[in-house]
Amino acid sequence: MLMFDQRGGKSLVYNNTVTRTGTGGATLRVKEEWQDSTCPPAVNAINGQPQHASDSYYWGNRKWGIQFDPALSPELGAVCSTCGLVVPTENVHVWMEKSSFNGSVGIGVGLLSARPSSGLTAGVGYWATDTQTLYRATNSTTWETYYVPYAYPHPHRSDPILGD
């Protein structure tokens, strides 16, 4: 069962739990199917965002209680025209949770006070469980707020069953 199949763009996939029983299992996959330079050239996106998988973070996903990371699958051996690397490449296009996190690769998960303050690699992430915020390193000593989820249920949600 394919649970999530990222074929391009940005994704934040987190806090999913698979408890399926029986044969088979769920999978997460990040893949690339086209060269950036082909029809239409993705480097010409209006906002400059590449169309291949990029700026994507996976954390907190569990299958039968065990950390569950995506498989990286460069279907065509596609090479990014702007970075020269096969897409997707871990810690360049896609970051995954690391149980032992020091700020050099992947994503750390824990209290904000436990987040490393130096020795960071640009792009690594940190999910602060106490602030429910994903931070991303911009250089060796600086974090920026990258993602804060909307409140649940969303305050502007209309529920026909509850009448709100």
C-alpha atoms as a PDB file:
ATOM      1  CA  MET A   1       0.000   0.000   0.000  1.00  0.00           C
ATOM      2  CA  LEU A   2       1.491   3.310  -1.057  1.00  0.00           C
ATOM      3  CA  MET A   3       0.695   5.750   1.716  1.00  0.00           C
ATOM      4  CA  PHE A   4       2.397   8.810   0.238  1.00  0.00           C
ATOM      5  CA  ASP A   5       4.099   9.317  -3.129  1.00  0.00           C
ATOM      6  CA  GLN A   6       5.896  12.636  -3.513  1.00  0.00           C
ATOM      7  CA  ARG A   7       6.661  13.254  -7.168  1.00  0.00           C
ATOM      8  CA  GLY A   8       7.835  16.847  -6.945  1.00  0.00           C
ATOM      9  CA  GLY A   9       7.634  20.119  -5.064  1.00  0.00           C
ATOM     10  CA  LYS A  10       7.700  20.653  -1.296  1.00  0.00           C
ATOM     11  CA  SER A  11       6.173  18.302   1.274  1.00  0.00           C
ATOM     12  CA  LEU A  12       5.943  18.137   5.041  1.00  0.00           C
ATOM     13  CA  VAL A  13       4.926  14.624   6.062  1.00  0.00           C
ATOM     14  CA  TYR A  14       4.783  14.075   9.795  1.00  0.00           C
ATOM     15  CA  ASN A  15       3.121  12.324  12.727  1.00  0.00           C
ATOM     16  CA  ASN A  16       1.487   9.562  10.688  1.00  0.00           C
ATOM     17  CA  THR A  17       0.923   6.158  12.292  1.00  0.00           C
ATOM     18  CA  VAL A  18       0.474   2.907  10.381  1.00  0.00           C
ATOM     19  CA  THR A  19      -1.113   0.060  12.337  1.00  0.00           C
ATOM     20  CA  ARG A  20      -2.301  -2.058   9.433  1.00  0.00           C
ATOM     21  CA  THR A  21      -2.383  -5.780  10.065  1.00  0.00           C
ATOM     22  CA  GLY A  22      -2.036  -8.637   7.632  1.00  0.00           C
ATOM     23  CA  THR A  23       0.289  -9.020   4.689  1.00  0.00           C
ATOM     24  CA  GLY A  24       1.923  -6.156   2.889  1.00  0.00           C
ATOM     25  CA  GLY A  25       2.678  -2.811   4.342  1.00  0.00           C
ATOM     26  CA  ALA A  26       2.520   0.886   3.817  1.00  0.00           C
ATOM     27  CA  THR A  27       5.287   2.784   2.072  1.00  0.00           C
ATOM     28  CA  LEU A  28       6.367   6.387   1.718  1.00  0.00           C
ATOM     29  CA  ARG A  29       8.191   7.300  -1.463  1.00  0.00           C
ATOM     30  CA  VAL A  30       9.926  10.356  -2.877  1.00  0.00           C
ATOM     31  CA  LYS A  31      10.749  10.124  -6.551  1.00  0.00           C
ATOM     32  CA  GLU A  32      11.694  12.117  -9.596  1.00  0.00           C
ATOM     33  CA  GLU A  33      10.296  11.360 -13.016  1.00  0.00           C
ATOM     34  CA  TRP A  34      11.512  14.171 -15.268  1.00  0.00           C
ATOM     35  CA  GLN A  35      14.619  16.213 -15.819  1.00  0.00           C
ATOM     36  CA  ASP A  36      14.139  19.816 -14.660  1.00  0.00           C
ATOM     37  CA  SER A  37      15.143  21.050 -18.084  1.00  0.00           C
ATOM     38  CA  THR A  38      12.329  19.311 -19.977  1.00  0.00           C
ATOM     39  CA  CYS A  39       8.821  20.456 -20.837  1.00  0.00           C
ATOM     40  CA  PRO A  40       8.300  23.015 -19.431  1.00  0.00           C
ATOM     41  CA  PRO A  41      11.596  24.021 -17.872  1.00  0.00           C
ATOM     42  CA  ALA A  42      10.892  23.920 -14.134  1.00  0.00           C
ATOM     43  CA  VAL A  43      13.602  26.485 -13.435  1.00  0.00           C
ATOM     44  CA  ASN A  44      11.191  29.030 -14.924  1.00  0.00           C
ATOM     45  CA  ALA A  45       8.495  28.581 -12.282  1.00  0.00           C
ATOM     46  CA  ILE A  46       6.992  31.963 -11.393  1.00  0.00           C
ATOM     47  CA  ASN A  47       8.221  31.842  -7.794  1.00  0.00           C
ATOM     48  CA  GLY A  48      11.572  30.231  -8.672  1.00  0.00           C
ATOM     49  CA  GLN A  49      10.701  27.032  -6.775  1.00  0.00           C
ATOM     50  CA  PRO A  50      12.052  23.964  -8.598  1.00  0.00           C
ATOM     51  CA  GLN A  51       9.467  21.431  -9.649  1.00  0.00           C
ATOM     52  CA  HIS A  52      11.504  18.418  -8.540  1.00  0.00           C
ATOM     53  CA  ALA A  53      11.220  17.198  -4.934  1.00  0.00           C
ATOM     54  CA  SER A  54      12.875  19.845  -2.771  1.00  0.00           C
ATOM     55  CA  ASP A  55      12.666  21.479   0.665  1.00  0.00           C
ATOM     56  CA  SER A  56      10.788  18.423   1.993  1.00  0.00           C
ATOM     57  CA  TYR A  57      10.787  17.141   5.567  1.00  0.00           C
ATOM     58  CA  TYR A  58       9.644  13.781   6.981  1.00  0.00           C
ATOM     59  CA  TRP A  59       9.439  13.202  10.758  1.00  0.00           C
ATOM     60  CA  GLY A  60       7.332  11.543  13.431  1.00  0.00           C
ATOM     61  CA  ASN A  61       6.072   8.840  11.069  1.00  0.00           C
ATOM     62  CA  ARG A  62       5.737   5.385  12.649  1.00  0.00           C
ATOM     63  CA  LYS A  63       4.858   1.970  11.282  1.00  0.00           C
ATOM     64  CA  TRP A  64       4.053  -0.569  14.003  1.00  0.00           C
ATOM     65  CA  GLY A  65       5.788   1.748  16.487  1.00  0.00           C
ATOM     66  CA  ILE A  66       9.050   1.972  14.507  1.00  0.00           C
ATOM     67  CA  GLN A  67      10.364   5.057  12.703  1.00  0.00           C
ATOM     68  CA  PHE A  68       9.069   5.057   9.130  1.00  0.00           C
ATOM     69  CA  ASP A  69      11.113   6.939   6.512  1.00  0.00           C
ATOM     70  CA  PRO A  70      10.422   7.371   2.804  1.00  0.00           C
ATOM     71  CA  ALA A  71      12.266   5.431   0.131  1.00  0.00           C
ATOM     72  CA  LEU A  72      14.153   7.759  -2.216  1.00  0.00           C
ATOM     73  CA  SER A  73      13.613   6.675  -5.796  1.00  0.00           C
ATOM     74  CA  PRO A  74      15.168   8.584  -8.705  1.00  0.00           C
ATOM     75  CA  GLU A  75      13.055   6.880 -11.382  1.00  0.00           C
ATOM     76  CA  LEU A  76      15.015   8.261 -14.319  1.00  0.00           C
ATOM     77  CA  GLY A  77      18.280   8.995 -12.562  1.00  0.00           C
ATOM     78  CA  ALA A  78      17.202  12.585 -13.040  1.00  0.00           C
ATOM     79  CA  VAL A  79      19.849  15.192 -12.368  1.00  0.00           C
ATOM     80  CA  CYS A  80      18.843  18.593 -11.052  1.00  0.00           C
ATOM     81  CA  SER A  81      19.881  21.259 -13.569  1.00  0.00           C
ATOM     82  CA  THR A  82      20.615  23.808 -10.830  1.00  0.00           C
ATOM     83  CA  CYS A  83      22.347  21.610  -8.209  1.00  0.00           C
ATOM     84  CA  GLY A  84      23.927  18.899 -10.409  1.00  0.00           C
ATOM     85  CA  LEU A  85      22.803  16.063  -8.083  1.00  0.00           C
ATOM     86  CA  VAL A  86      20.528  13.089  -8.597  1.00  0.00           C
ATOM     87  CA  VAL A  87      17.042  13.979  -7.370  1.00  0.00           C
ATOM     88  CA  PRO A  88      16.049  13.180  -4.704  1.00  0.00           C
ATOM     89  CA  THR A  89      19.183  13.294  -2.551  1.00  0.00           C
ATOM     90  CA  GLU A  90      18.851  13.042   1.221  1.00  0.00           C
ATOM     91  CA  ASN A  91      19.955  16.175   3.105  1.00  0.00           C
ATOM     92  CA  VAL A  92      19.781  18.208  -0.095  1.00  0.00           C
ATOM     93  CA  HIS A  93      16.189  17.800  -1.321  1.00  0.00           C
ATOM     94  CA  VAL A  94      14.681  15.640   1.437  1.00  0.00           C
ATOM     95  CA  TRP A  95      15.408  15.560   5.172  1.00  0.00           C
ATOM     96  CA  MET A  96      14.384  12.673   7.433  1.00  0.00           C
ATOM     97  CA  GLU A  97      14.155  12.256  11.192  1.00  0.00           C
ATOM     98  CA  LYS A  98      17.356  11.126  12.931  1.00  0.00           C
ATOM     99  CA  SER A  99      17.133   9.518  16.355  1.00  0.00           C
ATOM    100  CA  SER A 100      20.627  10.785  17.158  1.00  0.00           C
ATOM    101  CA  PHE A 101      20.586  14.400  15.963  1.00  0.00           C
ATOM    102  CA  ASN A 102      23.511  16.816  16.238  1.00  0.00           C
ATOM    103  CA  GLY A 103      22.477  19.395  13.625  1.00  0.00           C
ATOM    104  CA  SER A 104      24.613  18.102  10.762  1.00  0.00           C
ATOM    105  CA  VAL A 105      22.046  15.949   8.887  1.00  0.00           C
ATOM    106  CA  GLY A 106      18.340  15.173   8.944  1.00  0.00           C
ATOM    107  CA  ILE A 107      15.722  16.378  11.406  1.00  0.00           C
ATOM    108  CA  GLY A 108      15.832  16.331  15.171  1.00  0.00           C
ATOM    109  CA  VAL A 109      12.756  15.965  17.348  1.00  0.00           C
ATOM    110  CA  GLY A 110      12.477  17.083  20.962  1.00  0.00           C
ATOM    111  CA  LEU A 111      12.165  20.030  23.293  1.00  0.00           C
ATOM    112  CA  LEU A 112      13.173  23.413  21.910  1.00  0.00           C
ATOM    113  CA  SER A 113      15.766  23.727  24.690  1.00  0.00           C
ATOM    114  CA  ALA A 114      17.515  20.580  23.343  1.00  0.00           C
ATOM    115  CA  ARG A 115      17.955  22.005  19.837  1.00  0.00           C
ATOM    116  CA  PRO A 116      21.655  22.345  18.894  1.00  0.00           C
ATOM    117  CA  SER A 117      22.909  25.928  18.629  1.00  0.00           C
ATOM    118  CA  SER A 118      26.062  25.433  16.532  1.00  0.00           C
ATOM    119  CA  GLY A 119      27.629  23.034  14.051  1.00  0.00           C
ATOM    120  CA  LEU A 120      24.473  23.154  11.939  1.00  0.00           C
ATOM    121  CA  THR A 121      24.236  22.376   8.245  1.00  0.00           C
ATOM    122  CA  ALA A 122      21.949  24.672   6.265  1.00  0.00           C
ATOM    123  CA  GLY A 123      18.648  22.919   5.564  1.00  0.00           C
ATOM    124  CA  VAL A 124      18.564  20.567   8.548  1.00  0.00           C
ATOM    125  CA  GLY A 125      15.345  20.706  10.525  1.00  0.00           C
ATOM    126  CA  TYR A 126      14.246  20.520  14.131  1.00  0.00           C
ATOM    127  CA  TRP A 127      10.678  19.771  15.279  1.00  0.00           C
ATOM    128  CA  ALA A 128      10.188  21.312  18.707  1.00  0.00           C
ATOM    129  CA  THR A 129       7.589  19.165  20.445  1.00  0.00           C
ATOM    130  CA  ASP A 130       6.826  21.814  23.068  1.00  0.00           C
ATOM    131  CA  THR A 131       6.172  24.653  20.595  1.00  0.00           C
ATOM    132  CA  GLN A 132       4.857  22.456  17.732  1.00  0.00           C
ATOM    133  CA  THR A 133       7.147  24.313  15.331  1.00  0.00           C
ATOM    134  CA  LEU A 134       9.505  23.094  12.597  1.00  0.00           C
ATOM    135  CA  TYR A 135      12.714  25.112  12.514  1.00  0.00           C
ATOM    136  CA  ARG A 136      15.238  25.028   9.671  1.00  0.00           C
ATOM    137  CA  ALA A 137      18.922  25.948   9.901  1.00  0.00           C
ATOM    138  CA  THR A 138      19.981  28.742   7.556  1.00  0.00           C
ATOM    139  CA  ASN A 139      23.681  28.540   8.454  1.00  0.00           C
ATOM    140  CA  SER A 140      25.965  26.963  11.084  1.00  0.00           C
ATOM    141  CA  THR A 141      24.455  28.900  14.008  1.00  0.00           C
ATOM    142  CA  THR A 142      21.031  30.218  12.935  1.00  0.00           C
ATOM    143  CA  TRP A 143      17.554  28.676  12.959  1.00  0.00           C
ATOM    144  CA  GLU A 144      14.466  30.101  11.267  1.00  0.00           C
ATOM    145  CA  THR A 145      10.829  29.181  11.831  1.00  0.00           C
ATOM    146  CA  TYR A 146       9.909  27.088   8.794  1.00  0.00           C
ATOM    147  CA  TYR A 147       6.462  25.713   9.629  1.00  0.00           C
ATOM    148  CA  VAL A 148       3.810  26.132  12.299  1.00  0.00           C
ATOM    149  CA  PRO A 149       0.674  24.023  11.782  1.00  0.00           C
ATOM    150  CA  TYR A 150      -2.760  25.576  11.879  1.00  0.00           C
ATOM    151  CA  ALA A 151      -4.772  25.024  15.030  1.00  0.00           C
ATOM    152  CA  TYR A 152      -6.956  21.928  14.913  1.00  0.00           C
ATOM    153  CA  PRO A 153      -9.758  22.116  14.334  1.00  0.00           C
ATOM    154  CA  HIS A 154      -9.093  25.150  12.193  1.00  0.00           C
ATOM    155  CA  PRO A 155     -10.880  28.191  13.688  1.00  0.00           C
ATOM    156  CA  HIS A 156     -12.537  29.033  10.339  1.00  0.00           C
ATOM    157  CA  ARG A 157     -13.841  25.510   9.824  1.00  0.00           C
ATOM    158  CA  SER A 158     -17.559  25.028   9.382  1.00  0.00           C
ATOM    159  CA  ASP A 159     -18.921  21.706  10.648  1.00  0.00           C
ATOM    160  CA  PRO A 160     -22.442  20.889   9.395  1.00  0.00           C
ATOM    161  CA  ILE A 161     -22.848  18.183  12.054  1.00  0.00           C
ATOM    162  CA  LEU A 162     -21.900  20.404  14.965  1.00  0.00           C
ATOM    163  CA  GLY A 163     -23.589  23.452  13.481  1.00  0.00           C
ATOM    164  CA  ASP A 164     -20.524  25.688  13.695  1.00  0.00           C
END
